[in-house]
PDB file of N, CA and C in Angstrom:
ATOM      1  N   MET A   1      83.710  -6.348 -54.556  1.00  0.00           N
ATOM      2  CA  MET A   1      82.830  -6.580 -54.716  1.00  0.00           C
ATOM      3  C   MET A   1      82.023  -7.004 -52.890  1.00  0.00           C
ATOM      4  N   GLY A   2      81.076  -6.925 -52.468  1.00  0.00           N
ATOM      5  CA  GLY A   2      80.699  -6.573 -51.168  1.00  0.00           C
ATOM      6  C   GLY A   2      79.867  -7.621 -50.682  1.00  0.00           C
ATOM      7  N   ARG A   3      79.403  -8.079 -49.897  1.00  0.00           N
ATOM      8  CA  ARG A   3      78.966  -9.272 -49.370  1.00  0.00           C
ATOM      9  C   ARG A   3      77.803 -10.360 -50.188  1.00  0.00           C
ATOM     10  N   PRO A   4      77.554 -11.480 -50.372  1.00  0.00           N
ATOM     11  CA  PRO A   4      76.649 -11.983 -51.251  1.00  0.00           C
ATOM     12  C   PRO A   4      75.448 -11.671 -50.812  1.00  0.00           C
ATOM     13  N   LEU A   5      74.605 -11.680 -52.300  1.00  0.00           N
ATOM     14  CA  LEU A   5      72.939 -11.096 -52.104  1.00  0.00           C
ATOM     15  C   LEU A   5      72.502 -11.874 -52.690  1.00  0.00           C
ATOM     16  N   THR A   6      71.015 -12.477 -51.841  1.00  0.00           N
ATOM     17  CA  THR A   6      70.299 -13.408 -52.153  1.00  0.00           C
ATOM     18  C   THR A   6      68.946 -12.633 -52.473  1.00  0.00           C
ATOM     19  N   ILE A   7      68.510 -12.835 -53.816  1.00  0.00           N
ATOM     20  CA  ILE A   7      67.001 -12.344 -54.568  1.00  0.00           C
ATOM     21  C   ILE A   7      66.144 -13.589 -54.002  1.00  0.00           C
ATOM     22  N   LYS A   8      64.935 -13.090 -53.629  1.00  0.00           N
ATOM     23  CA  LYS A   8      63.995 -13.912 -53.676  1.00  0.00           C
ATOM     24  C   LYS A   8      62.825 -13.482 -54.327  1.00  0.00           C
ATOM     25  N   ASP A   9      61.659 -14.181 -54.085  1.00  0.00           N
ATOM     26  CA  ASP A   9      60.306 -13.636 -54.746  1.00  0.00           C
ATOM     27  C   ASP A   9      59.503 -14.772 -53.683  1.00  0.00           C
ATOM     28  N   GLU A  10      58.660 -13.933 -53.081  1.00  0.00           N
ATOM     29  CA  GLU A  10      57.576 -13.919 -52.277  1.00  0.00           C
ATOM     30  C   GLU A  10      58.468 -14.650 -50.825  1.00  0.00           C
ATOM     31  N   GLY A  11      59.453 -14.358 -50.450  1.00  0.00           N
ATOM     32  CA  GLY A  11      60.559 -14.646 -49.294  1.00  0.00           C
ATOM     33  C   GLY A  11      61.365 -16.095 -49.723  1.00  0.00           C
ATOM     34  N   VAL A  12      60.797 -16.524 -51.211  1.00  0.00           N
ATOM     35  CA  VAL A  12      61.458 -18.160 -51.541  1.00  0.00           C
ATOM     36  C   VAL A  12      63.000 -17.232 -52.360  1.00  0.00           C
ATOM     37  N   SER A  13      64.169 -17.919 -51.880  1.00  0.00           N
ATOM     38  CA  SER A  13      65.326 -17.732 -52.439  1.00  0.00           C
ATOM     39  C   SER A  13      65.536 -17.736 -53.906  1.00  0.00           C
ATOM     40  N   LEU A  14      65.727 -17.007 -54.814  1.00  0.00           N
ATOM     41  CA  LEU A  14      65.633 -17.368 -56.122  1.00  0.00           C
ATOM     42  C   LEU A  14      67.229 -17.416 -56.523  1.00  0.00           C
ATOM     43  N   ASN A  15      68.367 -17.248 -56.414  1.00  0.00           N
ATOM     44  CA  ASN A  15      69.450 -16.736 -56.538  1.00  0.00           C
ATOM     45  C   ASN A  15      70.339 -16.298 -55.514  1.00  0.00           C
ATOM     46  N   SER A  16      71.739 -16.486 -54.848  1.00  0.00           N
ATOM     47  CA  SER A  16      72.516 -15.733 -53.949  1.00  0.00           C
ATOM     48  C   SER A  16      73.888 -15.401 -54.628  1.00  0.00           C
ATOM     49  N   ASP A  17      73.742 -15.358 -56.026  1.00  0.00           N
ATOM     50  CA  ASP A  17      74.877 -14.965 -56.707  1.00  0.00           C
ATOM     51  C   ASP A  17      74.868 -14.287 -57.825  1.00  0.00           C
ATOM     52  N   VAL A  18      74.112 -12.622 -57.082  1.00  0.00           N
ATOM     53  CA  VAL A  18      73.807 -12.033 -58.360  1.00  0.00           C
ATOM     54  C   VAL A  18      75.016 -10.606 -58.418  1.00  0.00           C
ATOM     55  N   GLY A  19      75.177 -10.525 -59.450  1.00  0.00           N
ATOM     56  CA  GLY A  19      75.937  -9.132 -59.569  1.00  0.00           C
ATOM     57  C   GLY A  19      75.290  -7.815 -59.727  1.00  0.00           C
ATOM     58  N   SER A  20      73.917  -7.681 -60.065  1.00  0.00           N
ATOM     59  CA  SER A  20      73.274  -6.405 -60.184  1.00  0.00           C
ATOM     60  C   SER A  20      71.845  -7.090 -60.222  1.00  0.00           C
ATOM     61  N   ILE A  21      70.726  -6.312 -60.032  1.00  0.00           N
ATOM     62  CA  ILE A  21      69.611  -5.816 -60.243  1.00  0.00           C
ATOM     63  C   ILE A  21      68.646  -4.521 -60.530  1.00  0.00           C
ATOM     64  N   ASP A  22      67.994  -4.617 -61.555  1.00  0.00           N
ATOM     65  CA  ASP A  22      67.216  -3.383 -62.408  1.00  0.00           C
ATOM     66  C   ASP A  22      65.737  -3.608 -62.648  1.00  0.00           C
ATOM     67  N   PHE A  23      64.874  -2.899 -61.149  1.00  0.00           N
ATOM     68  CA  PHE A  23      63.574  -3.089 -61.642  1.00  0.00           C
ATOM     69  C   PHE A  23      63.084  -1.684 -62.535  1.00  0.00           C
ATOM     70  N   VAL A  24      62.061  -1.808 -63.965  1.00  0.00           N
ATOM     71  CA  VAL A  24      61.894  -0.770 -64.671  1.00  0.00           C
ATOM     72  C   VAL A  24      60.528  -1.172 -64.782  1.00  0.00           C
ATOM     73  N   GLY A  25      59.904  -0.421 -65.090  1.00  0.00           N
ATOM     74  CA  GLY A  25      58.503  -0.172 -65.918  1.00  0.00           C
ATOM     75  C   GLY A  25      57.672   0.448 -64.797  1.00  0.00           C
ATOM     76  N   GLY A  26      56.516   0.666 -65.183  1.00  0.00           N
ATOM     77  CA  GLY A  26      55.814   1.157 -64.298  1.00  0.00           C
ATOM     78  C   GLY A  26      54.757  -0.110 -63.030  1.00  0.00           C
ATOM     79  N   GLY A  27      54.260   0.441 -61.930  1.00  0.00           N
ATOM     80  CA  GLY A  27      53.911  -0.110 -60.814  1.00  0.00           C
ATOM     81  C   GLY A  27      54.868  -0.766 -60.146  1.00  0.00           C
ATOM     82  N   VAL A  28      55.991  -0.011 -60.020  1.00  0.00           N
ATOM     83  CA  VAL A  28      57.219  -0.804 -59.819  1.00  0.00           C
ATOM     84  C   VAL A  28      57.824   0.429 -58.640  1.00  0.00           C
ATOM     85  N   ALA A  29      57.864  -0.215 -57.250  1.00  0.00           N
ATOM     86  CA  ALA A  29      58.251   0.848 -56.025  1.00  0.00           C
ATOM     87  C   ALA A  29      59.427   0.378 -54.941  1.00  0.00           C
ATOM     88  N   GLY A  30      60.008   0.442 -54.657  1.00  0.00           N
ATOM     89  CA  GLY A  30      61.115  -0.110 -54.003  1.00  0.00           C
ATOM     90  C   GLY A  30      61.026   0.910 -52.511  1.00  0.00           C
ATOM     91  N   SER A  31      61.450  -0.351 -51.518  1.00  0.00           N
ATOM     92  CA  SER A  31      61.765   0.320 -50.017  1.00  0.00           C
ATOM     93  C   SER A  31      62.684  -0.393 -49.665  1.00  0.00           C
ATOM     94  N   ALA A  32      63.599  -0.121 -48.614  1.00  0.00           N
ATOM     95  CA  ALA A  32      64.491  -0.269 -47.712  1.00  0.00           C
ATOM     96  C   ALA A  32      64.390  -0.264 -46.522  1.00  0.00           C
ATOM     97  N   VAL A  33      64.620  -1.404 -45.548  1.00  0.00           N
ATOM     98  CA  VAL A  33      64.727  -1.371 -44.127  1.00  0.00           C
ATOM     99  C   VAL A  33      66.100  -2.149 -44.029  1.00  0.00           C
ATOM    100  N   GLY A  34      66.499  -1.262 -43.270  1.00  0.00           N
ATOM    101  CA  GLY A  34      68.419  -1.755 -43.031  1.00  0.00           C
ATOM    102  C   GLY A  34      68.942  -1.943 -44.430  1.00  0.00           C
ATOM    103  N   SER A  35      69.731  -3.288 -44.612  1.00  0.00           N
ATOM    104  CA  SER A  35      70.138  -4.049 -45.648  1.00  0.00           C
ATOM    105  C   SER A  35      68.993  -4.811 -46.618  1.00  0.00           C
ATOM    106  N   ASP A  36      67.904  -4.771 -46.049  1.00  0.00           N
ATOM    107  CA  ASP A  36      66.962  -5.296 -47.078  1.00  0.00           C
ATOM    108  C   ASP A  36      66.215  -4.909 -48.025  1.00  0.00           C
ATOM    109  N   ILE A  37      65.924  -4.833 -49.402  1.00  0.00           N
ATOM    110  CA  ILE A  37      65.243  -4.298 -50.177  1.00  0.00           C
ATOM    111  C   ILE A  37      63.631  -5.004 -50.373  1.00  0.00           C
ATOM    112  N   THR A  38      62.803  -4.553 -50.929  1.00  0.00           N
ATOM    113  CA  THR A  38      61.537  -4.831 -51.252  1.00  0.00           C
ATOM    114  C   THR A  38      60.955  -3.830 -52.341  1.00  0.00           C
ATOM    115  N   GLU A  39      61.047  -4.704 -53.431  1.00  0.00           N
ATOM    116  CA  GLU A  39      60.470  -3.945 -54.959  1.00  0.00           C
ATOM    117  C   GLU A  39      58.540  -4.423 -54.608  1.00  0.00           C
ATOM    118  N   ASP A  40      57.786  -3.384 -54.936  1.00  0.00           N
ATOM    119  CA  ASP A  40      56.451  -3.760 -54.939  1.00  0.00           C
ATOM    120  C   ASP A  40      56.188  -3.413 -56.166  1.00  0.00           C
ATOM    121  N   ILE A  41      55.815  -4.718 -56.780  1.00  0.00           N
ATOM    122  CA  ILE A  41      55.427  -4.607 -58.601  1.00  0.00           C
ATOM    123  C   ILE A  41      53.883  -5.090 -58.557  1.00  0.00           C
ATOM    124  N   SER A  42      53.023  -3.862 -58.638  1.00  0.00           N
ATOM    125  CA  SER A  42      51.613  -3.743 -58.534  1.00  0.00           C
ATOM    126  C   SER A  42      50.783  -3.270 -59.541  1.00  0.00           C
ATOM    127  N   GLY A  43      51.287  -3.861 -61.001  1.00  0.00           N
ATOM    128  CA  GLY A  43      50.645  -3.596 -61.835  1.00  0.00           C
ATOM    129  C   GLY A  43      49.759  -4.268 -62.436  1.00  0.00           C
ATOM    130  N   LEU A  44      49.493  -5.683 -61.809  1.00  0.00           N
ATOM    131  CA  LEU A  44      48.321  -6.887 -62.112  1.00  0.00           C
ATOM    132  C   LEU A  44      47.319  -6.602 -60.899  1.00  0.00           C
ATOM    133  N   GLN A  45      45.808  -7.015 -61.095  1.00  0.00           N
ATOM    134  CA  GLN A  45      45.289  -6.494 -60.362  1.00  0.00           C
ATOM    135  C   GLN A  45      44.506  -8.103 -59.833  1.00  0.00           C
ATOM    136  N   VAL A  46      44.286  -8.542 -59.101  1.00  0.00           N
ATOM    137  CA  VAL A  46      43.268 -10.083 -59.182  1.00  0.00           C
ATOM    138  C   VAL A  46      41.914  -9.912 -58.597  1.00  0.00           C
ATOM    139  N   GLU A  47      40.993 -10.760 -59.091  1.00  0.00           N
ATOM    140  CA  GLU A  47      39.948 -10.449 -58.417  1.00  0.00           C
ATOM    141  C   GLU A  47      39.065 -12.020 -58.728  1.00  0.00           C
ATOM    142  N   THR A  48      38.329 -12.349 -57.689  1.00  0.00           N
ATOM    143  CA  THR A  48      37.584 -13.582 -57.932  1.00  0.00           C
ATOM    144  C   THR A  48      36.394 -13.408 -58.775  1.00  0.00           C
ATOM    145  N   PRO A  49      35.944 -13.953 -59.925  1.00  0.00           N
ATOM    146  CA  PRO A  49      34.972 -13.453 -60.271  1.00  0.00           C
ATOM    147  C   PRO A  49      33.645 -14.427 -59.662  1.00  0.00           C
ATOM    148  N   LEU A  50      32.120 -13.812 -60.120  1.00  0.00           N
ATOM    149  CA  LEU A  50      31.074 -14.039 -59.357  1.00  0.00           C
ATOM    150  C   LEU A  50      30.308 -15.279 -60.103  1.00  0.00           C
ATOM    151  N   GLY A  51      29.763 -16.452 -59.384  1.00  0.00           N
ATOM    152  CA  GLY A  51      29.563 -17.678 -60.174  1.00  0.00           C
ATOM    153  C   GLY A  51      29.562 -18.650 -59.497  1.00  0.00           C
ATOM    154  N   ASP A  52      28.894 -19.916 -59.274  1.00  0.00           N
ATOM    155  CA  ASP A  52      28.864 -20.655 -58.927  1.00  0.00           C
ATOM    156  C   ASP A  52      29.833 -21.484 -59.967  1.00  0.00           C
ATOM    157  N   VAL A  53      30.787 -22.340 -58.807  1.00  0.00           N
ATOM    158  CA  VAL A  53      31.856 -22.976 -59.002  1.00  0.00           C
ATOM    159  C   VAL A  53      31.390 -24.566 -58.722  1.00  0.00           C
ATOM    160  N   ASN A  54      30.331 -25.326 -59.439  1.00  0.00           N
ATOM    161  CA  ASN A  54      30.116 -26.550 -59.269  1.00  0.00           C
ATOM    162  C   ASN A  54      29.660 -27.549 -59.974  1.00  0.00           C
ATOM    163  N   ASN A  55      30.990 -27.640 -61.310  1.00  0.00           N
ATOM    164  CA  ASN A  55      31.410 -28.770 -62.021  1.00  0.00           C
ATOM    165  C   ASN A  55      30.426 -28.703 -63.323  1.00  0.00           C
ATOM    166  N   VAL A  56      29.510 -27.839 -63.307  1.00  0.00           N
ATOM    167  CA  VAL A  56      28.391 -27.439 -64.276  1.00  0.00           C
ATOM    168  C   VAL A  56      28.504 -25.984 -64.588  1.00  0.00           C
ATOM    169  N   ASN A  57      28.572 -24.892 -64.117  1.00  0.00           N
ATOM    170  CA  ASN A  57      28.465 -23.650 -64.447  1.00  0.00           C
ATOM    171  C   ASN A  57      29.980 -22.970 -65.072  1.00  0.00           C
ATOM    172  N   THR A  58      29.361 -22.497 -66.461  1.00  0.00           N
ATOM    173  CA  THR A  58      30.424 -21.870 -66.993  1.00  0.00           C
ATOM    174  C   THR A  58      30.484 -20.234 -67.303  1.00  0.00           C
ATOM    175  N   VAL A  59      29.293 -19.299 -66.841  1.00  0.00           N
ATOM    176  CA  VAL A  59      29.377 -18.425 -66.894  1.00  0.00           C
ATOM    177  C   VAL A  59      29.802 -17.881 -65.150  1.00  0.00           C
ATOM    178  N   PHE A  60      30.718 -16.625 -65.459  1.00  0.00           N
ATOM    179  CA  PHE A  60      30.968 -15.869 -64.292  1.00  0.00           C
ATOM    180  C   PHE A  60      31.215 -14.594 -64.631  1.00  0.00           C
ATOM    181  N   THR A  61      30.270 -13.613 -63.972  1.00  0.00           N
ATOM    182  CA  THR A  61      31.002 -12.165 -63.836  1.00  0.00           C
ATOM    183  C   THR A  61      31.977 -11.542 -63.042  1.00  0.00           C
ATOM    184  N   VAL A  62      32.679 -10.484 -63.918  1.00  0.00           N
ATOM    185  CA  VAL A  62      33.826 -10.075 -63.173  1.00  0.00           C
ATOM    186  C   VAL A  62      33.871  -8.462 -63.298  1.00  0.00           C
ATOM    187  N   SER A  63      34.519  -7.619 -62.451  1.00  0.00           N
ATOM    188  CA  SER A  63      33.815  -6.080 -62.384  1.00  0.00           C
ATOM    189  C   SER A  63      35.051  -5.369 -63.068  1.00  0.00           C
ATOM    190  N   ASN A  64      35.979  -6.184 -64.066  1.00  0.00           N
ATOM    191  CA  ASN A  64      36.774  -5.371 -64.417  1.00  0.00           C
ATOM    192  C   ASN A  64      37.121  -6.638 -65.751  1.00  0.00           C
ATOM    193  N   ILE A  65      37.446  -5.862 -66.929  1.00  0.00           N
ATOM    194  CA  ILE A  65      37.814  -6.776 -68.227  1.00  0.00           C
ATOM    195  C   ILE A  65      39.166  -7.246 -67.746  1.00  0.00           C
ATOM    196  N   PRO A  66      39.142  -8.691 -67.753  1.00  0.00           N
ATOM    197  CA  PRO A  66      40.513  -9.315 -67.644  1.00  0.00           C
ATOM    198  C   PRO A  66      41.153  -9.496 -68.831  1.00  0.00           C
ATOM    199  N   LYS A  67      42.781  -9.464 -68.297  1.00  0.00           N
ATOM    200  CA  LYS A  67      43.915  -9.843 -69.233  1.00  0.00           C
ATOM    201  C   LYS A  67      44.083 -11.004 -69.525  1.00  0.00           C
ATOM    202  N   PHE A  68      43.877 -12.004 -68.226  1.00  0.00           N
ATOM    203  CA  PHE A  68      43.818 -13.339 -68.517  1.00  0.00           C
ATOM    204  C   PHE A  68      42.925 -14.087 -67.366  1.00  0.00           C
ATOM    205  N   ILE A  69      42.694 -15.236 -67.451  1.00  0.00           N
ATOM    206  CA  ILE A  69      41.806 -15.876 -65.823  1.00  0.00           C
ATOM    207  C   ILE A  69      42.662 -17.044 -65.792  1.00  0.00           C
ATOM    208  N   THR A  70      42.999 -17.511 -64.526  1.00  0.00           N
ATOM    209  CA  THR A  70      43.530 -18.526 -64.204  1.00  0.00           C
ATOM    210  C   THR A  70      42.680 -19.211 -63.551  1.00  0.00           C
ATOM    211  N   LEU A  71      42.367 -20.858 -63.853  1.00  0.00           N
ATOM    212  CA  LEU A  71      41.912 -21.905 -63.608  1.00  0.00           C
ATOM    213  C   LEU A  71      41.970 -22.731 -63.101  1.00  0.00           C
ATOM    214  N   ASN A  72      42.303 -22.758 -61.349  1.00  0.00           N
ATOM    215  CA  ASN A  72      43.138 -23.705 -60.561  1.00  0.00           C
ATOM    216  C   ASN A  72      44.908 -24.020 -60.795  1.00  0.00           C
ATOM    217  N   GLY A  73      45.105 -22.592 -61.402  1.00  0.00           N
ATOM    218  CA  GLY A  73      46.445 -22.474 -61.699  1.00  0.00           C
ATOM    219  C   GLY A  73      46.730 -22.616 -63.186  1.00  0.00           C
ATOM    220  N   GLN A  74      46.138 -22.784 -63.987  1.00  0.00           N
ATOM    221  CA  GLN A  74      46.335 -22.848 -65.263  1.00  0.00           C
ATOM    222  C   GLN A  74      45.849 -21.346 -66.291  1.00  0.00           C
ATOM    223  N   ILE A  75      46.603 -21.137 -66.716  1.00  0.00           N
ATOM    224  CA  ILE A  75      46.281 -19.654 -67.954  1.00  0.00           C
ATOM    225  C   ILE A  75      45.236 -19.805 -68.932  1.00  0.00           C
ATOM    226  N   VAL A  76      44.324 -19.060 -68.964  1.00  0.00           N
ATOM    227  CA  VAL A  76      43.480 -19.034 -69.917  1.00  0.00           C
ATOM    228  C   VAL A  76      43.042 -17.552 -70.532  1.00  0.00           C
ATOM    229  N   TYR A  77      43.330 -17.139 -71.901  1.00  0.00           N
ATOM    230  CA  TYR A  77      43.110 -16.046 -72.554  1.00  0.00           C
ATOM    231  C   TYR A  77      41.568 -16.272 -73.321  1.00  0.00           C
ATOM    232  N   GLU A  78      41.195 -14.765 -73.443  1.00  0.00           N
ATOM    233  CA  GLU A  78      39.974 -14.913 -74.312  1.00  0.00           C
ATOM    234  C   GLU A  78      40.313 -15.555 -75.365  1.00  0.00           C
ATOM    235  N   ASP A  79      39.176 -16.045 -75.961  1.00  0.00           N
ATOM    236  CA  ASP A  79      38.907 -16.679 -77.411  1.00  0.00           C
ATOM    237  C   ASP A  79      40.107 -18.029 -77.073  1.00  0.00           C
ATOM    238  N   ASN A  80      40.686 -18.428 -76.315  1.00  0.00           N
ATOM    239  CA  ASN A  80      41.444 -19.329 -76.001  1.00  0.00           C
ATOM    240  C   ASN A  80      41.436 -19.724 -74.753  1.00  0.00           C
ATOM    241  N   GLY A  81      40.210 -20.296 -74.517  1.00  0.00           N
ATOM    242  CA  GLY A  81      39.890 -21.056 -72.669  1.00  0.00           C
ATOM    243  C   GLY A  81      38.964 -20.405 -72.078  1.00  0.00           C
ATOM    244  N   TYR A  82      38.519 -19.267 -72.706  1.00  0.00           N
ATOM    245  CA  TYR A  82      36.656 -18.246 -72.188  1.00  0.00           C
ATOM    246  C   TYR A  82      36.816 -17.623 -73.349  1.00  0.00           C
ATOM    247  N   THR A  83      34.973 -17.271 -73.672  1.00  0.00           N
ATOM    248  CA  THR A  83      34.501 -15.756 -74.478  1.00  0.00           C
ATOM    249  C   THR A  83      34.370 -15.040 -73.121  1.00  0.00           C
ATOM    250  N   ARG A  84      34.223 -13.576 -73.857  1.00  0.00           N
ATOM    251  CA  ARG A  84      33.946 -12.321 -73.027  1.00  0.00           C
ATOM    252  C   ARG A  84      33.026 -12.089 -74.044  1.00  0.00           C
ATOM    253  N   SER A  85      31.413 -11.172 -73.024  1.00  0.00           N
ATOM    254  CA  SER A  85      30.722 -10.196 -73.510  1.00  0.00           C
ATOM    255  C   SER A  85      30.286  -9.166 -72.378  1.00  0.00           C
ATOM    256  N   GLY A  86      31.105  -7.881 -72.440  1.00  0.00           N
ATOM    257  CA  GLY A  86      30.924  -7.126 -71.789  1.00  0.00           C
ATOM    258  C   GLY A  86      31.492  -7.563 -70.343  1.00  0.00           C
ATOM    259  N   LEU A  87      31.033  -7.810 -69.319  1.00  0.00           N
ATOM    260  CA  LEU A  87      32.095  -8.066 -67.914  1.00  0.00           C
ATOM    261  C   LEU A  87      31.421  -9.662 -67.335  1.00  0.00           C
ATOM    262  N   THR A  88      31.141  -9.999 -68.684  1.00  0.00           N
ATOM    263  CA  THR A  88      30.400 -11.448 -68.166  1.00  0.00           C
ATOM    264  C   THR A  88      31.510 -12.450 -69.513  1.00  0.00           C
ATOM    265  N   ILE A  89      32.044 -13.629 -68.612  1.00  0.00           N
ATOM    266  CA  ILE A  89      33.123 -14.667 -69.224  1.00  0.00           C
ATOM    267  C   ILE A  89      32.511 -16.131 -68.960  1.00  0.00           C
ATOM    268  N   THR A  90      32.370 -16.336 -70.438  1.00  0.00           N
ATOM    269  CA  THR A  90      32.329 -17.762 -69.998  1.00  0.00           C
ATOM    270  C   THR A  90      33.136 -18.885 -70.617  1.00  0.00           C
ATOM    271  N   ILE A  91      33.411 -19.845 -69.349  1.00  0.00           N
ATOM    272  CA  ILE A  91      34.809 -20.586 -69.494  1.00  0.00           C
ATOM    273  C   ILE A  91      34.427 -21.664 -70.942  1.00  0.00           C
ATOM    274  N   ASP A  92      35.293 -22.046 -71.429  1.00  0.00           N
ATOM    275  CA  ASP A  92      34.839 -23.030 -72.616  1.00  0.00           C
ATOM    276  C   ASP A  92      34.353 -24.596 -72.061  1.00  0.00           C
ATOM    277  N   SER A  93      35.415 -25.259 -70.545  1.00  0.00           N
ATOM    278  CA  SER A  93      34.456 -26.162 -70.262  1.00  0.00           C
ATOM    279  C   SER A  93      34.254 -26.008 -68.696  1.00  0.00           C
ATOM    280  N   ALA A  94      33.139 -26.484 -68.352  1.00  0.00           N
ATOM    281  CA  ALA A  94      32.908 -26.776 -67.013  1.00  0.00           C
ATOM    282  C   ALA A  94      34.064 -26.748 -66.086  1.00  0.00           C
ATOM    283  N   PRO A  95      34.218 -25.678 -64.978  1.00  0.00           N
ATOM    284  CA  PRO A  95      35.276 -26.170 -64.043  1.00  0.00           C
ATOM    285  C   PRO A  95      34.821 -27.380 -63.191  1.00  0.00           C
ATOM    286  N   PHE A  96      35.872 -27.641 -62.458  1.00  0.00           N
ATOM    287  CA  PHE A  96      35.707 -28.875 -61.285  1.00  0.00           C
ATOM    288  C   PHE A  96      35.259 -28.226 -60.208  1.00  0.00           C
ATOM    289  N   THR A  97      34.281 -28.735 -59.733  1.00  0.00           N
ATOM    290  CA  THR A  97      34.205 -28.356 -58.068  1.00  0.00           C
ATOM    291  C   THR A  97      35.566 -28.445 -57.266  1.00  0.00           C
ATOM    292  N   GLY A  98      35.533 -27.195 -56.765  1.00  0.00           N
ATOM    293  CA  GLY A  98      36.501 -26.590 -55.719  1.00  0.00           C
ATOM    294  C   GLY A  98      37.875 -25.819 -56.279  1.00  0.00           C
ATOM    295  N   ASN A  99      37.905 -25.669 -57.852  1.00  0.00           N
ATOM    296  CA  ASN A  99      38.760 -24.945 -58.548  1.00  0.00           C
ATOM    297  C   ASN A  99      38.408 -23.533 -58.038  1.00  0.00           C
ATOM    298  N   VAL A 100      39.714 -23.047 -57.941  1.00  0.00           N
ATOM    299  CA  VAL A 100      40.231 -21.568 -57.646  1.00  0.00           C
ATOM    300  C   VAL A 100      39.994 -21.163 -59.097  1.00  0.00           C
ATOM    301  N   LEU A 101      39.317 -19.822 -59.137  1.00  0.00           N
ATOM    302  CA  LEU A 101      39.137 -19.415 -60.555  1.00  0.00           C
ATOM    303  C   LEU A 101      39.585 -17.643 -59.830  1.00  0.00           C
ATOM    304  N   ARG A 102      40.369 -17.235 -61.014  1.00  0.00           N
ATOM    305  CA  ARG A 102      40.800 -15.837 -60.809  1.00  0.00           C
ATOM    306  C   ARG A 102      40.907 -14.880 -61.672  1.00  0.00           C
ATOM    307  N   SER A 103      40.396 -14.077 -61.901  1.00  0.00           N
ATOM    308  CA  SER A 103      40.521 -12.610 -62.938  1.00  0.00           C
ATOM    309  C   SER A 103      42.086 -12.097 -63.001  1.00  0.00           C
ATOM    310  N   HIS A 104      42.756 -11.758 -63.869  1.00  0.00           N
ATOM    311  CA  HIS A 104      43.693 -10.827 -63.835  1.00  0.00           C
ATOM    312  C   HIS A 104      43.524  -9.809 -64.473  1.00  0.00           C
ATOM    313  N   TYR A 105      43.628  -8.690 -64.012  1.00  0.00           N
ATOM    314  CA  TYR A 105      43.294  -7.314 -64.959  1.00  0.00           C
ATOM    315  C   TYR A 105      44.291  -6.765 -64.713  1.00  0.00           C
TER     316      TYR A 105
END
């Protein structure tokens, strides 16, 4: 076996004693610079929905139908945290001022 291999996620070390890695699926592309390998997994896009985050508003507009949304880091799904009509999403409860809302599609 060769030298130790360290697995990183966005630059953070996950494991330094790995036998092998196999990235599969759509949206996966690898590149090498010297002995460093980078795998780009771009199957999920993120957008910030339009609408006021003011502790009152629950209605937001998206450009793409989301697979899920995150509200200040918490994942919520359609009919279990928000409802959707076309490109309008309505969150079940008003977000707090300053929360980060993202749509993942």
